[in-house]
């Protein structure tokens, strides 16, 4: 087979593979969330200033903002050694639930940690970027901008 035919075959293979590469990533939290339950655990309970024991987010606008910010998180490679601040249960309209640990404090300008406890995704740990962290901190701790 000549070089020209190999190039044609190579280009055809790339064109067949590339459409899969351009697909959007599957969101960490799917659509159809009815409520988000945050429970103070481990580090939070040991803290002298636990903001709450359990907090429910049921306002649809707040849920949408919360989900949007969580879905900005980026997968982390390897194992993670951590102590949890909150256990988060995402409740869906159809009755399903998805549990995570989420580490976001009331300090602005940091990055956070999200850990999938139910194994519904390809990875189980995500880094929450600074901008998303700041908004999540406001939503969790009721801090105004």
N, C-alpha and C. Protein backbone atom coordinates (compact mmCIF):
# COMPACT_ATOMS: atom_id res chain seq x y z
N UNK A 1 0.87 -1.18 0.00
CA UNK A 1 0.00 0.00 0.00
C UNK A 1 0.90 1.23 0.00
N UNK A 2 0.61 2.19 -0.86
CA UNK A 2 1.42 3.38 -0.97
C UNK A 2 1.16 4.37 0.16
N UNK A 3 2.04 5.35 0.27
CA UNK A 3 1.95 6.35 1.32
C UNK A 3 0.63 7.12 1.23
N UNK A 4 0.20 7.44 0.03
CA UNK A 4 -1.05 8.18 -0.15
C UNK A 4 -2.25 7.44 0.40
N UNK A 5 -2.27 6.12 0.21
CA UNK A 5 -3.39 5.33 0.73
C UNK A 5 -3.34 5.29 2.25
N UNK A 6 -2.15 5.21 2.85
CA UNK A 6 -2.02 5.21 4.31
C UNK A 6 -2.51 6.53 4.90
N UNK A 7 -2.20 7.62 4.24
CA UNK A 7 -2.66 8.93 4.71
C UNK A 7 -4.18 9.00 4.65
N UNK A 8 -4.77 8.50 3.55
CA UNK A 8 -6.23 8.49 3.41
C UNK A 8 -6.87 7.65 4.51
N UNK A 9 -6.30 6.46 4.77
CA UNK A 9 -6.82 5.59 5.82
C UNK A 9 -6.69 6.28 7.18
N UNK A 10 -5.54 6.93 7.42
CA UNK A 10 -5.31 7.63 8.69
C UNK A 10 -6.30 8.75 8.91
N UNK A 11 -6.54 9.55 7.87
CA UNK A 11 -7.49 10.65 7.98
C UNK A 11 -8.90 10.11 8.22
N UNK A 12 -9.27 9.03 7.54
CA UNK A 12 -10.59 8.43 7.74
C UNK A 12 -10.74 7.93 9.17
N UNK A 13 -9.69 7.32 9.73
CA UNK A 13 -9.74 6.85 11.11
C UNK A 13 -9.90 8.02 12.08
N UNK A 14 -9.17 9.09 11.84
CA UNK A 14 -9.27 10.26 12.71
C UNK A 14 -10.68 10.84 12.65
N UNK A 15 -11.25 10.93 11.47
CA UNK A 15 -12.60 11.48 11.33
C UNK A 15 -13.64 10.60 12.03
N UNK A 16 -13.40 9.31 12.09
CA UNK A 16 -14.32 8.42 12.78
C UNK A 16 -14.18 8.52 14.29
N UNK A 17 -12.98 8.81 14.78
CA UNK A 17 -12.73 8.88 16.21
C UNK A 17 -13.06 10.25 16.79
N UNK A 18 -12.78 11.32 16.06
CA UNK A 18 -12.95 12.67 16.57
C UNK A 18 -14.36 13.01 17.03
N UNK A 19 -15.42 12.57 16.38
CA UNK A 19 -16.75 12.94 16.88
C UNK A 19 -16.96 12.54 18.33
N UNK A 20 -16.41 11.42 18.77
CA UNK A 20 -16.52 11.01 20.16
C UNK A 20 -15.76 11.94 21.09
N UNK A 21 -14.70 12.54 20.59
CA UNK A 21 -13.89 13.44 21.41
C UNK A 21 -14.58 14.77 21.65
N UNK A 22 -15.46 15.16 20.73
CA UNK A 22 -16.09 16.47 20.85
C UNK A 22 -17.37 16.46 21.68
N UNK A 23 -17.79 15.27 22.14
CA UNK A 23 -19.01 15.22 22.93
C UNK A 23 -18.82 15.94 24.26
N UNK A 24 -19.89 16.53 24.75
CA UNK A 24 -19.83 17.21 26.04
C UNK A 24 -19.65 16.19 27.15
N UNK A 25 -18.93 16.59 28.20
CA UNK A 25 -18.76 15.70 29.33
C UNK A 25 -20.09 15.54 30.06
N UNK A 26 -20.28 14.37 30.64
CA UNK A 26 -21.48 14.11 31.42
C UNK A 26 -21.39 14.91 32.72
N UNK A 27 -22.42 15.66 33.07
CA UNK A 27 -22.35 16.46 34.30
C UNK A 27 -22.27 15.56 35.54
N UNK A 28 -21.64 16.06 36.58
CA UNK A 28 -21.53 15.33 37.84
C UNK A 28 -22.91 15.17 38.45
N UNK A 29 -23.65 16.27 38.49
CA UNK A 29 -25.03 16.23 38.97
C UNK A 29 -25.93 16.42 37.76
N UNK A 30 -26.84 15.50 37.56
CA UNK A 30 -27.74 15.52 36.40
C UNK A 30 -28.89 16.52 36.60
N UNK A 31 -29.68 16.69 35.56
CA UNK A 31 -30.86 17.56 35.64
C UNK A 31 -31.96 16.89 36.44
N UNK A 32 -32.93 17.67 36.89
CA UNK A 32 -34.08 17.12 37.59
C UNK A 32 -33.88 17.01 39.09
N UNK A 33 -33.09 17.92 39.67
CA UNK A 33 -32.84 17.90 41.11
C UNK A 33 -34.02 18.56 41.84
N UNK A 34 -34.56 17.86 42.84
CA UNK A 34 -35.66 18.42 43.61
C UNK A 34 -35.19 19.07 44.91
N UNK A 35 -34.10 18.58 45.48
CA UNK A 35 -33.54 19.19 46.69
C UNK A 35 -32.11 18.72 46.89
N UNK A 36 -31.40 19.49 47.70
CA UNK A 36 -30.03 19.14 48.09
C UNK A 36 -29.98 19.21 49.61
N UNK A 37 -29.54 18.12 50.21
CA UNK A 37 -29.43 18.04 51.67
C UNK A 37 -27.95 18.06 52.04
N UNK A 38 -27.58 19.00 52.89
CA UNK A 38 -26.21 19.09 53.41
C UNK A 38 -26.23 18.73 54.88
N UNK A 39 -25.37 17.79 55.27
CA UNK A 39 -25.28 17.39 56.66
C UNK A 39 -23.85 17.61 57.14
N UNK A 40 -23.74 18.28 58.27
CA UNK A 40 -22.46 18.55 58.89
C UNK A 40 -21.87 17.22 59.40
N UNK A 41 -20.66 16.86 58.94
CA UNK A 41 -20.00 15.61 59.35
C UNK A 41 -18.53 15.88 59.69
N UNK A 42 -17.87 14.95 60.28
CA UNK A 42 -16.45 14.94 60.59
C UNK A 42 -15.90 16.31 60.99
N UNK A 43 -15.18 16.96 60.07
CA UNK A 43 -14.51 18.23 60.36
C UNK A 43 -15.51 19.28 60.84
N UNK A 44 -16.66 19.32 60.22
CA UNK A 44 -17.69 20.30 60.58
C UNK A 44 -18.16 20.09 62.02
N UNK A 45 -18.40 18.83 62.38
CA UNK A 45 -18.87 18.53 63.74
C UNK A 45 -17.81 18.83 64.79
N UNK A 46 -16.54 18.68 64.42
CA UNK A 46 -15.44 18.95 65.35
C UNK A 46 -15.17 20.45 65.50
N UNK A 47 -15.68 21.22 64.55
CA UNK A 47 -15.47 22.67 64.55
C UNK A 47 -16.26 23.34 65.66
N UNK A 48 -15.71 24.41 66.18
CA UNK A 48 -16.41 25.21 67.19
C UNK A 48 -17.50 26.08 66.57
N UNK A 49 -17.46 26.20 65.24
CA UNK A 49 -18.41 27.10 64.57
C UNK A 49 -19.17 26.38 63.44
N UNK A 50 -19.72 25.22 63.73
CA UNK A 50 -20.53 24.50 62.74
C UNK A 50 -21.71 25.38 62.35
N UNK A 51 -21.89 25.64 61.05
CA UNK A 51 -22.95 26.56 60.63
C UNK A 51 -24.36 25.97 60.79
N UNK A 52 -24.47 24.64 60.80
CA UNK A 52 -25.76 23.95 60.93
C UNK A 52 -25.46 22.47 61.07
N UNK A 53 -26.45 21.71 61.48
CA UNK A 53 -26.32 20.25 61.50
C UNK A 53 -26.83 19.69 60.17
N UNK A 54 -28.00 20.14 59.74
CA UNK A 54 -28.57 19.75 58.45
C UNK A 54 -29.15 21.00 57.79
N UNK A 55 -28.89 21.13 56.50
CA UNK A 55 -29.45 22.24 55.73
C UNK A 55 -30.07 21.67 54.46
N UNK A 56 -31.29 22.07 54.18
CA UNK A 56 -31.97 21.67 52.95
C UNK A 56 -32.02 22.85 51.99
N UNK A 57 -31.64 22.60 50.76
CA UNK A 57 -31.78 23.60 49.70
C UNK A 57 -32.91 23.10 48.80
N UNK A 58 -34.02 23.85 48.82
CA UNK A 58 -35.20 23.43 48.07
C UNK A 58 -35.68 24.48 47.07
N UNK A 59 -35.15 25.69 47.19
CA UNK A 59 -35.49 26.76 46.26
C UNK A 59 -34.87 26.42 44.90
N UNK A 60 -35.69 26.39 43.85
CA UNK A 60 -35.23 25.94 42.54
C UNK A 60 -34.09 26.80 41.98
N UNK A 61 -34.14 28.10 42.20
CA UNK A 61 -33.07 28.97 41.72
C UNK A 61 -31.75 28.65 42.43
N UNK A 62 -31.81 28.45 43.75
CA UNK A 62 -30.60 28.09 44.49
C UNK A 62 -30.08 26.72 44.06
N UNK A 63 -30.98 25.78 43.83
CA UNK A 63 -30.57 24.45 43.37
C UNK A 63 -29.84 24.57 42.04
N UNK A 64 -30.40 25.34 41.11
CA UNK A 64 -29.77 25.50 39.79
C UNK A 64 -28.38 26.14 39.91
N UNK A 65 -28.25 27.15 40.76
CA UNK A 65 -26.93 27.77 40.97
C UNK A 65 -25.96 26.78 41.58
N UNK A 66 -26.41 26.03 42.57
CA UNK A 66 -25.58 25.05 43.27
C UNK A 66 -25.09 23.98 42.28
N UNK A 67 -26.03 23.41 41.52
CA UNK A 67 -25.69 22.37 40.55
C UNK A 67 -24.72 22.90 39.50
N UNK A 68 -24.97 24.10 39.01
CA UNK A 68 -24.08 24.70 38.02
C UNK A 68 -22.65 24.79 38.56
N UNK A 69 -22.50 25.26 39.78
CA UNK A 69 -21.16 25.42 40.36
C UNK A 69 -20.49 24.08 40.62
N UNK A 70 -21.23 23.11 41.13
CA UNK A 70 -20.65 21.78 41.36
C UNK A 70 -20.19 21.17 40.04
N UNK A 71 -20.95 21.37 38.99
CA UNK A 71 -20.61 20.78 37.69
C UNK A 71 -19.40 21.45 37.03
N UNK A 72 -18.86 22.51 37.64
CA UNK A 72 -17.62 23.12 37.15
C UNK A 72 -16.40 22.34 37.64
N UNK A 73 -16.61 21.42 38.57
CA UNK A 73 -15.51 20.66 39.17
C UNK A 73 -14.81 19.79 38.14
N UNK A 74 -13.52 19.58 38.38
CA UNK A 74 -12.69 18.83 37.45
C UNK A 74 -12.20 17.55 38.11
N UNK A 75 -12.25 16.45 37.37
CA UNK A 75 -11.84 15.15 37.88
C UNK A 75 -10.38 15.18 38.34
N UNK A 76 -10.13 14.49 39.44
CA UNK A 76 -8.78 14.36 39.98
C UNK A 76 -8.33 12.92 39.77
N UNK A 77 -7.05 12.75 39.50
CA UNK A 77 -6.50 11.42 39.32
C UNK A 77 -5.93 10.91 40.64
N UNK A 78 -5.94 9.62 40.82
CA UNK A 78 -5.33 9.02 42.00
C UNK A 78 -6.28 8.98 43.19
N UNK A 79 -5.73 8.54 44.30
CA UNK A 79 -6.51 8.43 45.54
C UNK A 79 -6.44 9.74 46.31
N UNK A 80 -7.46 9.99 47.11
CA UNK A 80 -7.55 11.22 47.88
C UNK A 80 -7.64 10.87 49.37
N UNK A 81 -6.81 11.50 50.18
CA UNK A 81 -6.86 11.34 51.63
C UNK A 81 -7.46 12.63 52.17
N UNK A 82 -8.61 12.56 52.81
CA UNK A 82 -9.30 13.76 53.24
C UNK A 82 -10.20 13.46 54.42
N UNK A 83 -10.64 14.50 55.08
CA UNK A 83 -11.68 14.42 56.10
C UNK A 83 -12.83 15.29 55.59
N UNK A 84 -14.03 14.78 55.66
CA UNK A 84 -15.19 15.45 55.07
C UNK A 84 -15.70 16.58 55.95
N UNK A 85 -16.22 17.62 55.30
CA UNK A 85 -16.91 18.71 56.00
C UNK A 85 -18.41 18.45 55.97
N UNK A 86 -18.95 18.19 54.77
CA UNK A 86 -20.39 17.94 54.62
C UNK A 86 -20.64 16.66 53.83
N UNK A 87 -21.71 15.96 54.19
CA UNK A 87 -22.24 14.93 53.30
C UNK A 87 -23.39 15.59 52.57
N UNK A 88 -23.37 15.48 51.26
CA UNK A 88 -24.38 16.10 50.42
C UNK A 88 -25.19 14.99 49.74
N UNK A 89 -26.50 15.07 49.87
CA UNK A 89 -27.39 14.15 49.17
C UNK A 89 -28.18 14.95 48.15
N UNK A 90 -28.04 14.59 46.89
CA UNK A 90 -28.77 15.23 45.82
C UNK A 90 -29.99 14.35 45.54
N UNK A 91 -31.16 14.91 45.75
CA UNK A 91 -32.42 14.18 45.53
C UNK A 91 -33.01 14.60 44.19
N UNK A 92 -33.39 13.60 43.40
CA UNK A 92 -33.92 13.85 42.06
C UNK A 92 -35.44 13.72 42.04
N UNK A 93 -36.07 14.38 41.06
CA UNK A 93 -37.53 14.38 40.92
C UNK A 93 -38.11 12.97 40.87
N UNK A 94 -37.41 12.05 40.21
CA UNK A 94 -37.95 10.69 40.05
C UNK A 94 -37.75 9.81 41.28
N UNK A 95 -37.15 10.37 42.34
CA UNK A 95 -37.00 9.63 43.59
C UNK A 95 -35.61 9.10 43.87
N UNK A 96 -34.72 9.14 42.90
CA UNK A 96 -33.35 8.67 43.11
C UNK A 96 -32.57 9.69 43.95
N UNK A 97 -31.47 9.23 44.54
CA UNK A 97 -30.60 10.11 45.32
C UNK A 97 -29.15 9.76 45.01
N UNK A 98 -28.26 10.73 45.16
CA UNK A 98 -26.84 10.58 44.88
C UNK A 98 -26.07 11.27 46.01
N UNK A 99 -25.17 10.54 46.65
CA UNK A 99 -24.45 11.07 47.82
C UNK A 99 -23.01 11.45 47.47
N UNK A 100 -22.56 12.55 48.08
CA UNK A 100 -21.21 13.06 47.92
C UNK A 100 -20.69 13.55 49.27
N UNK A 101 -19.39 13.68 49.38
CA UNK A 101 -18.80 14.54 50.40
C UNK A 101 -18.40 15.80 49.66
N UNK A 102 -18.64 16.94 50.29
CA UNK A 102 -18.24 18.22 49.70
C UNK A 102 -17.51 19.02 50.76
N UNK A 103 -16.31 19.44 50.40
CA UNK A 103 -15.50 20.22 51.32
C UNK A 103 -15.40 21.65 50.80
N UNK A 104 -16.19 22.50 51.41
CA UNK A 104 -16.21 23.94 51.12
C UNK A 104 -16.35 24.62 52.47
N UNK A 105 -15.44 25.54 52.75
CA UNK A 105 -15.51 26.27 54.01
C UNK A 105 -16.12 27.65 53.77
N UNK A 106 -16.16 28.45 54.83
CA UNK A 106 -16.71 29.81 54.69
C UNK A 106 -15.64 30.81 54.26
N UNK A 107 -14.46 30.34 53.93
CA UNK A 107 -13.38 31.21 53.45
C UNK A 107 -13.44 31.30 51.94
N UNK A 108 -13.32 32.51 51.43
CA UNK A 108 -13.38 32.77 50.00
C UNK A 108 -11.96 32.68 49.42
N UNK A 109 -11.86 32.31 48.13
CA UNK A 109 -10.57 32.32 47.45
C UNK A 109 -9.79 31.02 47.57
N UNK A 110 -10.49 29.93 47.73
CA UNK A 110 -9.83 28.63 47.85
C UNK A 110 -10.37 27.69 46.77
N UNK A 111 -9.87 26.47 46.76
CA UNK A 111 -10.46 25.42 45.94
C UNK A 111 -11.03 24.38 46.89
N UNK A 112 -11.97 23.58 46.40
CA UNK A 112 -12.62 22.60 47.26
C UNK A 112 -12.51 21.19 46.72
N UNK A 113 -13.13 20.29 47.44
CA UNK A 113 -13.10 18.87 47.09
C UNK A 113 -14.52 18.32 47.06
N UNK A 114 -14.80 17.52 46.05
CA UNK A 114 -16.07 16.83 45.92
C UNK A 114 -15.75 15.35 45.71
N UNK A 115 -16.35 14.48 46.52
CA UNK A 115 -16.10 13.04 46.40
C UNK A 115 -17.42 12.32 46.21
N UNK A 116 -17.53 11.55 45.14
CA UNK A 116 -18.72 10.77 44.81
C UNK A 116 -18.73 9.52 45.69
N UNK A 117 -19.69 9.42 46.59
CA UNK A 117 -19.77 8.28 47.51
C UNK A 117 -20.49 7.08 46.91
N UNK A 118 -21.27 7.30 45.87
CA UNK A 118 -22.06 6.23 45.28
C UNK A 118 -21.44 5.64 44.03
N UNK A 119 -20.34 6.21 43.56
CA UNK A 119 -19.65 5.66 42.39
C UNK A 119 -20.43 5.74 41.10
N UNK A 120 -21.20 6.83 40.90
CA UNK A 120 -22.00 6.98 39.68
C UNK A 120 -21.22 7.57 38.52
N UNK A 121 -19.95 7.86 38.74
CA UNK A 121 -19.16 8.47 37.68
C UNK A 121 -17.87 7.69 37.48
N UNK A 122 -17.13 8.04 36.44
CA UNK A 122 -15.87 7.35 36.13
C UNK A 122 -14.80 7.63 37.16
N UNK A 123 -14.87 8.73 37.83
CA UNK A 123 -13.91 9.07 38.86
C UNK A 123 -14.69 9.32 40.14
N UNK A 124 -14.00 9.33 41.26
CA UNK A 124 -14.78 9.60 42.47
C UNK A 124 -14.37 10.89 43.16
N UNK A 125 -13.31 11.55 42.72
CA UNK A 125 -12.88 12.79 43.35
C UNK A 125 -12.76 13.91 42.32
N UNK A 126 -13.20 15.10 42.73
CA UNK A 126 -13.18 16.27 41.85
C UNK A 126 -12.65 17.47 42.62
N UNK A 127 -11.91 18.33 41.92
CA UNK A 127 -11.49 19.60 42.51
C UNK A 127 -12.49 20.66 42.10
N UNK A 128 -12.98 21.39 43.09
CA UNK A 128 -13.90 22.50 42.84
C UNK A 128 -13.04 23.75 42.62
N UNK A 129 -13.09 24.36 41.42
CA UNK A 129 -12.25 25.53 41.16
C UNK A 129 -12.66 26.74 42.01
N UNK A 130 -11.75 27.69 42.13
CA UNK A 130 -11.92 28.83 43.03
C UNK A 130 -13.22 29.60 42.81
N UNK A 131 -13.56 29.94 41.58
CA UNK A 131 -14.79 30.72 41.32
C UNK A 131 -16.03 29.96 41.77
N UNK A 132 -16.10 28.66 41.43
CA UNK A 132 -17.24 27.84 41.84
C UNK A 132 -17.25 27.68 43.36
N UNK A 133 -16.08 27.51 43.95
CA UNK A 133 -15.94 27.38 45.40
C UNK A 133 -16.53 28.60 46.11
N UNK A 134 -16.18 29.78 45.62
CA UNK A 134 -16.66 31.01 46.25
C UNK A 134 -18.19 31.08 46.24
N UNK A 135 -18.80 30.73 45.10
CA UNK A 135 -20.26 30.77 45.01
C UNK A 135 -20.89 29.69 45.89
N UNK A 136 -20.30 28.50 45.90
CA UNK A 136 -20.82 27.44 46.78
C UNK A 136 -20.71 27.83 48.24
N UNK A 137 -19.62 28.48 48.60
CA UNK A 137 -19.44 28.94 49.98
C UNK A 137 -20.56 29.90 50.35
N UNK A 138 -20.89 30.82 49.46
CA UNK A 138 -21.99 31.77 49.72
C UNK A 138 -23.32 31.03 49.89
N UNK A 139 -23.56 30.06 49.03
CA UNK A 139 -24.82 29.32 49.08
C UNK A 139 -24.92 28.46 50.35
N UNK A 140 -23.82 27.82 50.71
CA UNK A 140 -23.84 26.93 51.89
C UNK A 140 -23.90 27.73 53.18
N UNK A 141 -23.12 28.76 53.27
CA UNK A 141 -23.00 29.53 54.53
C UNK A 141 -23.89 30.77 54.56
N UNK A 142 -24.71 30.95 53.52
CA UNK A 142 -25.60 32.11 53.44
C UNK A 142 -24.85 33.44 53.53
N UNK A 143 -23.66 33.47 52.93
CA UNK A 143 -22.86 34.69 52.93
C UNK A 143 -23.23 35.55 51.73
N UNK A 144 -23.50 36.79 51.95
CA UNK A 144 -23.79 37.71 50.86
C UNK A 144 -22.48 38.11 50.19
N UNK A 145 -22.54 38.46 48.92
CA UNK A 145 -21.35 38.91 48.19
C UNK A 145 -20.84 40.22 48.71
